[in-house]
C-alpha atoms as a PDB file:
ATOM      1  CA  UNK A   1       8.816  11.907  20.728  1.00  0.00           C
ATOM      2  CA  UNK A   2      10.012  12.060  17.133  1.00  0.00           C
ATOM      3  CA  UNK A   3      10.907   8.971  15.131  1.00  0.00           C
ATOM      4  CA  UNK A   4      11.942   8.390  11.562  1.00  0.00           C
ATOM      5  CA  UNK A   5       8.985   6.848   9.739  1.00  0.00           C
ATOM      6  CA  UNK A   6       8.935   5.361   6.253  1.00  0.00           C
ATOM      7  CA  UNK A   7       5.669   4.422   4.589  1.00  0.00           C
ATOM      8  CA  UNK A   8       5.508   2.808   1.185  1.00  0.00           C
ATOM      9  CA  UNK A   9       3.201   0.712  -0.907  1.00  0.00           C
ATOM     10  CA  UNK A  10       3.573  -1.768  -3.728  1.00  0.00           C
ATOM     11  CA  UNK A  11       0.895  -2.843  -6.164  1.00  0.00           C
ATOM     12  CA  UNK A  12       1.031  -6.207  -7.899  1.00  0.00           C
ATOM     13  CA  UNK A  13      -1.113  -7.468 -10.752  1.00  0.00           C
ATOM     14  CA  UNK A  14      -2.376 -11.014 -10.145  1.00  0.00           C
ATOM     15  CA  UNK A  15      -2.971 -12.914 -13.378  1.00  0.00           C
ATOM     16  CA  UNK A  16      -2.751 -16.615 -14.279  1.00  0.00           C
ATOM     17  CA  UNK A  17      -1.145 -17.469 -10.934  1.00  0.00           C
ATOM     18  CA  UNK A  18       1.610 -14.876 -11.450  1.00  0.00           C
ATOM     19  CA  UNK A  19       2.307 -11.768  -9.391  1.00  0.00           C
ATOM     20  CA  UNK A  20       3.786  -8.853 -11.369  1.00  0.00           C
ATOM     21  CA  UNK A  21       4.863  -5.626  -9.647  1.00  0.00           C
ATOM     22  CA  UNK A  22       3.091  -2.661 -11.239  1.00  0.00           C
ATOM     23  CA  UNK A  23       3.998   0.180  -8.864  1.00  0.00           C
ATOM     24  CA  UNK A  24       6.357   0.787  -5.932  1.00  0.00           C
ATOM     25  CA  UNK A  25       6.152   4.160  -4.195  1.00  0.00           C
ATOM     26  CA  UNK A  26       7.417   5.717  -0.952  1.00  0.00           C
ATOM     27  CA  UNK A  27       4.901   8.287   0.272  1.00  0.00           C
ATOM     28  CA  UNK A  28       6.523   9.255   3.588  1.00  0.00           C
ATOM     29  CA  UNK A  29      10.146   9.200   4.763  1.00  0.00           C
ATOM     30  CA  UNK A  30      10.715  11.719   7.543  1.00  0.00           C
ATOM     31  CA  UNK A  31      10.851  12.306  11.281  1.00  0.00           C
ATOM     32  CA  UNK A  32       7.394  12.734  12.776  1.00  0.00           C
ATOM     33  CA  UNK A  33       5.936  13.067  16.263  1.00  0.00           C
ATOM     34  CA  UNK A  34       4.533   9.646  17.157  1.00  0.00           C
ATOM     35  CA  UNK A  35       1.934  11.193  19.462  1.00  0.00           C
ATOM     36  CA  UNK A  36       0.339  13.267  16.687  1.00  0.00           C
ATOM     37  CA  UNK A  37      -2.057  11.602  14.250  1.00  0.00           C
ATOM     38  CA  UNK A  38      -0.923  11.958  10.640  1.00  0.00           C
ATOM     39  CA  UNK A  39      -3.365  11.539   7.779  1.00  0.00           C
ATOM     40  CA  UNK A  40      -1.966  10.624   4.395  1.00  0.00           C
ATOM     41  CA  UNK A  41      -4.126  10.553   1.294  1.00  0.00           C
ATOM     42  CA  UNK A  42      -2.786   8.902  -1.848  1.00  0.00           C
ATOM     43  CA  UNK A  43      -4.739   8.517  -5.074  1.00  0.00           C
ATOM     44  CA  UNK A  44      -4.051   5.291  -6.950  1.00  0.00           C
ATOM     45  CA  UNK A  45      -5.463   4.792 -10.425  1.00  0.00           C
ATOM     46  CA  UNK A  46      -5.815   1.266 -11.824  1.00  0.00           C
ATOM     47  CA  UNK A  47      -7.122   1.428 -15.372  1.00  0.00           C
ATOM     48  CA  UNK A  48      -7.248  -2.279 -16.233  1.00  0.00           C
ATOM     49  CA  UNK A  49      -9.926  -4.577 -14.880  1.00  0.00           C
ATOM     50  CA  UNK A  50      -8.516  -7.496 -12.920  1.00  0.00           C
ATOM     51  CA  UNK A  51      -7.137  -8.599  -9.588  1.00  0.00           C
ATOM     52  CA  UNK A  52      -4.414  -6.709  -7.706  1.00  0.00           C
ATOM     53  CA  UNK A  53      -2.510  -7.095  -4.448  1.00  0.00           C
ATOM     54  CA  UNK A  54      -1.633  -3.993  -2.440  1.00  0.00           C
ATOM     55  CA  UNK A  55       1.196  -4.253   0.104  1.00  0.00           C
ATOM     56  CA  UNK A  56       1.521  -1.441   2.641  1.00  0.00           C
ATOM     57  CA  UNK A  57       4.795  -1.323   4.568  1.00  0.00           C
ATOM     58  CA  UNK A  58       5.390   0.991   7.546  1.00  0.00           C
ATOM     59  CA  UNK A  59       8.824   1.155   9.191  1.00  0.00           C
ATOM     60  CA  UNK A  60       9.631   3.221  12.251  1.00  0.00           C
ATOM     61  CA  UNK A  61      13.101   2.994  13.768  1.00  0.00           C
ATOM     62  CA  UNK A  62      13.761  -0.750  13.998  1.00  0.00           C
ATOM     63  CA  UNK A  63      10.073  -1.724  14.150  1.00  0.00           C
ATOM     64  CA  UNK A  64       7.855  -2.433  11.189  1.00  0.00           C
ATOM     65  CA  UNK A  65       4.485  -3.614  10.017  1.00  0.00           C
ATOM     66  CA  UNK A  66       3.224  -5.012   6.737  1.00  0.00           C
ATOM     67  CA  UNK A  67      -0.395  -5.183   5.633  1.00  0.00           C
ATOM     68  CA  UNK A  68      -1.658  -6.961   2.533  1.00  0.00           C
ATOM     69  CA  UNK A  69      -4.937  -6.425   0.728  1.00  0.00           C
ATOM     70  CA  UNK A  70      -6.281  -8.088  -2.388  1.00  0.00           C
ATOM     71  CA  UNK A  71      -8.300  -5.822  -4.630  1.00  0.00           C
ATOM     72  CA  UNK A  72     -10.286  -7.045  -7.600  1.00  0.00           C
ATOM     73  CA  UNK A  73     -12.554  -5.018  -9.786  1.00  0.00           C
ATOM     74  CA  UNK A  74     -14.643  -5.688 -12.847  1.00  0.00           C
ATOM     75  CA  UNK A  75     -17.810  -4.392 -14.452  1.00  0.00           C
ATOM     76  CA  UNK A  76     -19.734  -5.421 -11.294  1.00  0.00           C
ATOM     77  CA  UNK A  77     -17.665  -3.303  -8.889  1.00  0.00           C
ATOM     78  CA  UNK A  78     -14.781  -3.563  -6.427  1.00  0.00           C
ATOM     79  CA  UNK A  79     -14.014  -6.318  -3.913  1.00  0.00           C
ATOM     80  CA  UNK A  80     -11.379  -5.869  -1.180  1.00  0.00           C
ATOM     81  CA  UNK A  81     -10.126  -8.689   1.071  1.00  0.00           C
ATOM     82  CA  UNK A  82      -7.466  -8.667   3.748  1.00  0.00           C
END
């Protein structure tokens, strides 16, 4: 069974209580077989230390799902929360 699938992500910078969109990218927009596992690898480079929100949006036909993650990184390392 093939369905049109659109997968995109948005990255927001979180600073001083404000959310600023830094990047908005569609990485998949095509008909795929829903019974076949698809693996998508996307490299994202954030060069400034700070706190970011990543929104992943998947739409297939009239259904959809959104996932949100908060990513912060500093000299100590990376912290991801959902």
